C-alpha cells in the first residue's frame, strides 16, 4: 500500500542572497528554529531567492524576518501552500 503525505509549507522571499556561503548560513540559522523540520533555498543571485520551510506552522513570519534581517538580507512576505503528495512507501520499507 502506498502512503502519500501532503504538508503545508511556507515560502518566503529573500533578497540580496548572492552566494552559496550565504545560503548555507541562512539555512543553518533557520534550521535551528524550534519546530523546523525541513529547509530549502532556491538561490537566485540576480533576484528574489525562495526560502521554503516545513511544516508551515513551525515558525512565524516574524521569526523568519528576524533571522533574515540579522544576517543582512531583505525579507519578502510569506506565501503558504500545500506541498504535492510524497510517496513514502520506500522510506517506510527501509531498515
C-alpha atoms as a PDB file:
ATOM      1  CA  UNK A   1       0.000   0.000   0.000  1.00  0.00           C
ATOM      2  CA  UNK A   2       1.250   3.486  -0.824  1.00  0.00           C
ATOM      3  CA  UNK A   3       1.082   6.305   1.672  1.00  0.00           C
ATOM      4  CA  UNK A   4       1.157   9.881   0.420  1.00  0.00           C
ATOM      5  CA  UNK A   5       1.789  12.849   2.652  1.00  0.00           C
ATOM      6  CA  UNK A   6       0.646  16.382   1.934  1.00  0.00           C
ATOM      7  CA  UNK A   7       2.166  19.034   4.159  1.00  0.00           C
ATOM      8  CA  UNK A   8       1.770  22.747   4.286  1.00  0.00           C
ATOM      9  CA  UNK A   9       4.953  24.638   3.657  1.00  0.00           C
ATOM     10  CA  UNK A  10       5.757  28.320   3.909  1.00  0.00           C
ATOM     11  CA  UNK A  11       7.839  30.057   1.312  1.00  0.00           C
ATOM     12  CA  UNK A  12       9.481  33.399   1.969  1.00  0.00           C
ATOM     13  CA  UNK A  13      11.315  35.614  -0.451  1.00  0.00           C
ATOM     14  CA  UNK A  14      14.856  36.654   0.384  1.00  0.00           C
ATOM     15  CA  UNK A  15      16.555  39.462  -1.488  1.00  0.00           C
ATOM     16  CA  UNK A  16      20.292  40.041  -1.669  1.00  0.00           C
ATOM     17  CA  UNK A  17      21.260  36.386  -1.254  1.00  0.00           C
ATOM     18  CA  UNK A  18      24.011  36.030  -3.843  1.00  0.00           C
ATOM     19  CA  UNK A  19      26.443  33.291  -2.868  1.00  0.00           C
ATOM     20  CA  UNK A  20      26.427  29.661  -1.694  1.00  0.00           C
ATOM     21  CA  UNK A  21      28.140  30.520   1.621  1.00  0.00           C
ATOM     22  CA  UNK A  22      25.365  32.971   2.491  1.00  0.00           C
ATOM     23  CA  UNK A  23      22.794  30.368   1.506  1.00  0.00           C
ATOM     24  CA  UNK A  24      24.348  27.838   3.921  1.00  0.00           C
ATOM     25  CA  UNK A  25      24.408  30.417   6.729  1.00  0.00           C
ATOM     26  CA  UNK A  26      20.728  31.237   6.211  1.00  0.00           C
ATOM     27  CA  UNK A  27      19.733  27.563   6.104  1.00  0.00           C
ATOM     28  CA  UNK A  28      21.672  26.775   9.301  1.00  0.00           C
ATOM     29  CA  UNK A  29      20.081  29.658  11.195  1.00  0.00           C
ATOM     30  CA  UNK A  30      16.561  28.733  10.096  1.00  0.00           C
ATOM     31  CA  UNK A  31      17.142  25.031  10.800  1.00  0.00           C
ATOM     32  CA  UNK A  32      17.873  25.891  14.431  1.00  0.00           C
ATOM     33  CA  UNK A  33      14.440  27.483  14.940  1.00  0.00           C
ATOM     34  CA  UNK A  34      12.229  25.291  17.114  1.00  0.00           C
ATOM     35  CA  UNK A  35       9.864  23.086  15.122  1.00  0.00           C
ATOM     36  CA  UNK A  36      11.528  23.418  11.716  1.00  0.00           C
ATOM     37  CA  UNK A  37      11.992  20.005  10.108  1.00  0.00           C
ATOM     38  CA  UNK A  38      12.978  20.951   6.585  1.00  0.00           C
ATOM     39  CA  UNK A  39      14.564  23.990   4.941  1.00  0.00           C
ATOM     40  CA  UNK A  40      15.283  24.516   1.268  1.00  0.00           C
ATOM     41  CA  UNK A  41      16.537  27.577  -0.562  1.00  0.00           C
ATOM     42  CA  UNK A  42      16.382  28.209  -4.293  1.00  0.00           C
ATOM     43  CA  UNK A  43      19.221  30.655  -4.892  1.00  0.00           C
ATOM     44  CA  UNK A  44      18.534  33.398  -7.427  1.00  0.00           C
ATOM     45  CA  UNK A  45      21.637  35.642  -7.267  1.00  0.00           C
ATOM     46  CA  UNK A  46      20.126  38.283  -9.559  1.00  0.00           C
ATOM     47  CA  UNK A  47      16.730  38.438  -7.869  1.00  0.00           C
ATOM     48  CA  UNK A  48      14.489  37.039  -5.155  1.00  0.00           C
ATOM     49  CA  UNK A  49      15.593  33.698  -3.699  1.00  0.00           C
ATOM     50  CA  UNK A  50      12.946  31.396  -2.213  1.00  0.00           C
ATOM     51  CA  UNK A  51      13.259  30.059   1.341  1.00  0.00           C
ATOM     52  CA  UNK A  52      10.847  27.160   1.966  1.00  0.00           C
ATOM     53  CA  UNK A  53      10.150  25.794   5.441  1.00  0.00           C
ATOM     54  CA  UNK A  54       8.196  22.731   6.544  1.00  0.00           C
ATOM     55  CA  UNK A  55       5.958  22.435   8.352  1.00  0.00           C
ATOM     56  CA  UNK A  56       4.342  25.832   7.733  1.00  0.00           C
ATOM     57  CA  UNK A  57       3.195  26.069  11.345  1.00  0.00           C
ATOM     58  CA  UNK A  58       6.743  25.699  12.704  1.00  0.00           C
ATOM     59  CA  UNK A  59       7.642  29.381  12.744  1.00  0.00           C
ATOM     60  CA  UNK A  60       6.040  32.756  12.336  1.00  0.00           C
ATOM     61  CA  UNK A  61       6.817  35.265   9.642  1.00  0.00           C
ATOM     62  CA  UNK A  62       8.318  37.455  12.384  1.00  0.00           C
ATOM     63  CA  UNK A  63      10.778  34.677  13.322  1.00  0.00           C
ATOM     64  CA  UNK A  64      11.940  34.388   9.725  1.00  0.00           C
ATOM     65  CA  UNK A  65      12.116  38.156   9.293  1.00  0.00           C
ATOM     66  CA  UNK A  66      14.331  38.382  12.395  1.00  0.00           C
ATOM     67  CA  UNK A  67      16.758  35.757  11.054  1.00  0.00           C
ATOM     68  CA  UNK A  68      16.871  37.272   7.565  1.00  0.00           C
ATOM     69  CA  UNK A  69      17.364  40.802   8.948  1.00  0.00           C
ATOM     70  CA  UNK A  70      20.036  39.653  11.418  1.00  0.00           C
ATOM     71  CA  UNK A  71      22.104  38.123   8.624  1.00  0.00           C
ATOM     72  CA  UNK A  72      21.654  41.250   6.494  1.00  0.00           C
ATOM     73  CA  UNK A  73      19.309  40.215   3.696  1.00  0.00           C
ATOM     74  CA  UNK A  74      15.953  41.581   2.567  1.00  0.00           C
ATOM     75  CA  UNK A  75      12.835  39.800   3.853  1.00  0.00           C
ATOM     76  CA  UNK A  76       9.908  39.423   1.442  1.00  0.00           C
ATOM     77  CA  UNK A  77       6.429  38.342   2.628  1.00  0.00           C
ATOM     78  CA  UNK A  78       5.297  34.787   3.368  1.00  0.00           C
ATOM     79  CA  UNK A  79       3.430  32.558   0.951  1.00  0.00           C
ATOM     80  CA  UNK A  80       1.936  29.315   2.344  1.00  0.00           C
ATOM     81  CA  UNK A  81       0.909  26.452   0.127  1.00  0.00           C
ATOM     82  CA  UNK A  82       0.433  22.713   0.076  1.00  0.00           C
ATOM     83  CA  UNK A  83       3.326  20.551  -0.944  1.00  0.00           C
ATOM     84  CA  UNK A  84       2.462  17.898  -3.530  1.00  0.00           C
ATOM     85  CA  UNK A  85       1.970  14.369  -2.202  1.00  0.00           C
ATOM     86  CA  UNK A  86       5.154  12.460  -1.471  1.00  0.00           C
ATOM     87  CA  UNK A  87       5.228   8.687  -1.821  1.00  0.00           C
ATOM     88  CA  UNK A  88       6.547   7.315   1.479  1.00  0.00           C
ATOM     89  CA  UNK A  89       6.412   3.616   0.519  1.00  0.00           C
ATOM     90  CA  UNK A  90      10.147   3.144   0.066  1.00  0.00           C
ATOM     91  CA  UNK A  91      11.127   5.162   3.129  1.00  0.00           C
ATOM     92  CA  UNK A  92       8.848   3.023   5.286  1.00  0.00           C
ATOM     93  CA  UNK A  93      10.294  -0.236   3.944  1.00  0.00           C
ATOM     94  CA  UNK A  94      13.931   0.629   4.633  1.00  0.00           C
ATOM     95  CA  UNK A  95      15.566  -0.811   7.775  1.00  0.00           C
END
